[in-house]
Amino acid sequence: MAELFQFELVSPERQLMSDQVAEVVVPGTEGEFGVLKNHSPFMSTIKPGILKVRGDDGAWVEYFVRGGFADVAPGGALTVLAEQAIPVGEISKDHLDRAISNAQEDVEDAKDDESKQKAEMALSQLRDVAEALKAA
């Protein structure tokens, strides 16, 4: 049996999860990373993507997350504060299409190179999520 640790997933709307889990895979801005019990303290920003949580039963639960950060505390507990977090089963194609459309408008409306670059990165990440969901 896997060793468990405390995991919290919070968005501005609600707390999506607060439970003892075996493993969490986070879409970090520097690359995807996994957290197991007794992970060393660590902090990362997160990019739009799929956050995967493995419970003590071995089953995986997936959430679409966008923005925010992940924090592994010295005791090993992981907290993910996401600007947006939605269980993958609740994501509609319309919701994702709307987010991509809004991101395209942000690219077109960008006033300077820096905001255009950020908007293009967000658009690219949302398109990656759409592809990942199609493949799943």
Protein backbone atom coordinates (compact mmCIF):
# COMPACT_ATOMS: atom_id res chain seq x y z
CA MET A 1 0.00 0.00 0.00
CA ALA A 2 1.28 3.45 -0.91
CA GLU A 3 2.20 5.94 1.80
CA LEU A 4 -0.28 8.80 1.92
CA PHE A 5 0.15 12.55 2.41
CA GLN A 6 -2.20 15.52 2.76
CA PHE A 7 -3.27 17.21 -0.49
CA GLU A 8 -5.40 20.35 -0.91
CA LEU A 9 -6.70 21.67 -4.24
CA VAL A 10 -8.28 25.10 -3.94
CA SER A 11 -9.68 27.54 -6.50
CA PRO A 12 -11.28 30.93 -5.84
CA GLU A 13 -14.74 29.33 -6.20
CA ARG A 14 -14.30 26.33 -3.91
CA GLN A 15 -12.08 23.74 -2.30
CA LEU A 16 -12.08 20.84 -4.76
CA MET A 17 -10.12 18.35 -2.68
CA SER A 18 -8.72 17.95 0.82
CA ASP A 19 -7.64 14.39 1.34
CA GLN A 20 -4.88 11.90 2.04
CA VAL A 21 -3.51 10.82 -1.36
CA ALA A 22 -0.73 8.58 -2.70
CA GLU A 23 0.57 10.76 -5.56
CA VAL A 24 -0.10 14.02 -7.39
CA VAL A 25 1.22 14.99 -10.83
CA VAL A 26 1.26 18.77 -11.35
CA PRO A 27 1.63 20.69 -14.66
CA GLY A 28 4.39 23.06 -13.52
CA THR A 29 5.54 25.93 -15.71
CA GLU A 30 9.04 24.37 -15.77
CA GLY A 31 7.59 20.94 -16.61
CA GLU A 32 5.29 18.34 -15.13
CA PHE A 33 6.35 17.01 -11.70
CA GLY A 34 5.16 14.31 -9.36
CA VAL A 35 4.78 14.52 -5.59
CA LEU A 36 4.86 11.52 -3.25
CA LYS A 37 4.94 11.31 0.56
CA ASN A 38 7.98 13.04 2.13
CA HIS A 39 8.73 15.14 -0.97
CA SER A 40 11.24 17.87 -0.13
CA PRO A 41 9.84 21.42 0.25
CA PHE A 42 9.23 22.91 -3.16
CA MET A 43 7.23 25.66 -4.83
CA SER A 44 6.26 26.06 -8.49
CA THR A 45 3.90 28.11 -10.58
CA ILE A 46 1.50 26.03 -12.65
CA LYS A 47 0.50 26.28 -16.28
CA PRO A 48 -2.83 25.31 -17.84
CA GLY A 49 -2.99 21.55 -17.92
CA ILE A 50 -4.21 18.38 -16.29
CA LEU A 51 -3.44 17.81 -12.61
CA LYS A 52 -3.64 14.09 -11.73
CA VAL A 53 -4.32 12.73 -8.24
CA ARG A 54 -3.89 9.07 -7.25
CA GLY A 55 -5.88 8.05 -4.21
CA ASP A 56 -5.06 5.25 -1.77
CA ASP A 57 -7.24 2.94 -3.91
CA GLY A 58 -4.87 3.47 -6.87
CA ALA A 59 -7.52 5.24 -8.98
CA TRP A 60 -6.57 8.50 -10.71
CA VAL A 61 -8.76 11.62 -10.62
CA GLU A 62 -8.00 14.44 -13.07
CA TYR A 63 -8.60 18.18 -12.88
CA PHE A 64 -8.05 20.90 -15.46
CA VAL A 65 -6.06 23.67 -13.73
CA ARG A 66 -5.08 27.11 -14.99
CA GLY A 67 -2.75 29.55 -13.26
CA GLY A 68 -1.68 29.61 -9.64
CA PHE A 69 0.98 27.70 -7.76
CA ALA A 70 1.85 24.44 -6.01
CA ASP A 71 3.52 24.40 -2.60
CA VAL A 72 5.03 21.34 -0.91
CA ALA A 73 5.37 22.26 2.79
CA PRO A 74 8.31 21.10 4.96
CA GLY A 75 6.06 18.36 6.42
CA GLY A 76 5.34 17.03 2.92
CA ALA A 77 1.77 18.30 2.52
CA LEU A 78 0.96 19.63 -0.98
CA THR A 79 -1.31 22.61 -1.56
CA VAL A 80 -2.30 23.71 -5.06
CA LEU A 81 -3.89 27.15 -5.27
CA ALA A 82 -5.26 27.40 -8.81
CA GLU A 83 -6.81 30.43 -10.50
CA GLN A 84 -9.19 27.90 -12.05
CA ALA A 85 -9.72 24.21 -11.31
CA ILE A 86 -12.41 22.00 -12.82
CA PRO A 87 -12.83 18.22 -12.59
CA VAL A 88 -12.05 16.91 -16.11
CA GLY A 89 -15.47 15.21 -16.23
CA GLU A 90 -17.15 18.63 -15.86
CA ILE A 91 -15.28 20.33 -18.72
CA SER A 92 -17.46 20.92 -21.70
CA LYS A 93 -16.12 21.37 -25.20
CA ASP A 94 -17.97 24.72 -25.23
CA HIS A 95 -16.14 25.86 -22.09
CA LEU A 96 -12.74 25.05 -23.59
CA ASP A 97 -13.65 26.55 -26.98
CA ARG A 98 -14.73 29.76 -25.21
CA ALA A 99 -11.45 29.91 -23.26
CA ILE A 100 -9.44 29.44 -26.49
CA SER A 101 -11.51 32.12 -28.24
CA ASN A 102 -10.93 34.55 -25.35
CA ALA A 103 -7.19 33.80 -25.47
CA GLN A 104 -7.12 34.48 -29.22
CA GLU A 105 -8.78 37.86 -28.57
CA ASP A 106 -6.17 38.60 -25.88
CA VAL A 107 -3.41 37.97 -28.45
CA GLU A 108 -5.09 40.31 -30.96
CA ASP A 109 -5.72 43.02 -28.33
CA ALA A 110 -2.20 42.91 -26.82
CA LYS A 111 -0.76 46.42 -26.57
CA ASP A 112 2.94 45.49 -26.29
CA ASP A 113 5.33 42.61 -26.95
CA GLU A 114 5.31 41.36 -23.36
CA SER A 115 1.52 41.08 -23.10
CA LYS A 116 1.35 39.58 -26.60
CA GLN A 117 3.93 36.95 -25.58
CA LYS A 118 1.98 36.09 -22.40
CA ALA A 119 -1.29 35.87 -24.36
CA GLU A 120 0.30 33.63 -27.02
CA MET A 121 1.70 31.35 -24.28
CA ALA A 122 -1.74 31.05 -22.63
CA LEU A 123 -3.36 30.33 -26.02
CA SER A 124 -0.74 27.66 -26.79
CA GLN A 125 -1.25 26.02 -23.39
CA LEU A 126 -5.04 25.97 -23.79
CA ARG A 127 -4.67 24.36 -27.22
CA ASP A 128 -2.37 21.74 -25.62
CA VAL A 129 -5.05 21.01 -23.02
CA ALA A 130 -7.69 20.65 -25.76
CA GLU A 131 -5.42 18.13 -27.53
CA ALA A 132 -4.74 16.25 -24.27
CA LEU A 133 -8.46 15.99 -23.55
CA LYS A 134 -9.15 14.71 -27.07
CA ALA A 135 -6.48 12.05 -26.62
CA ALA A 136 -7.76 10.99 -23.18
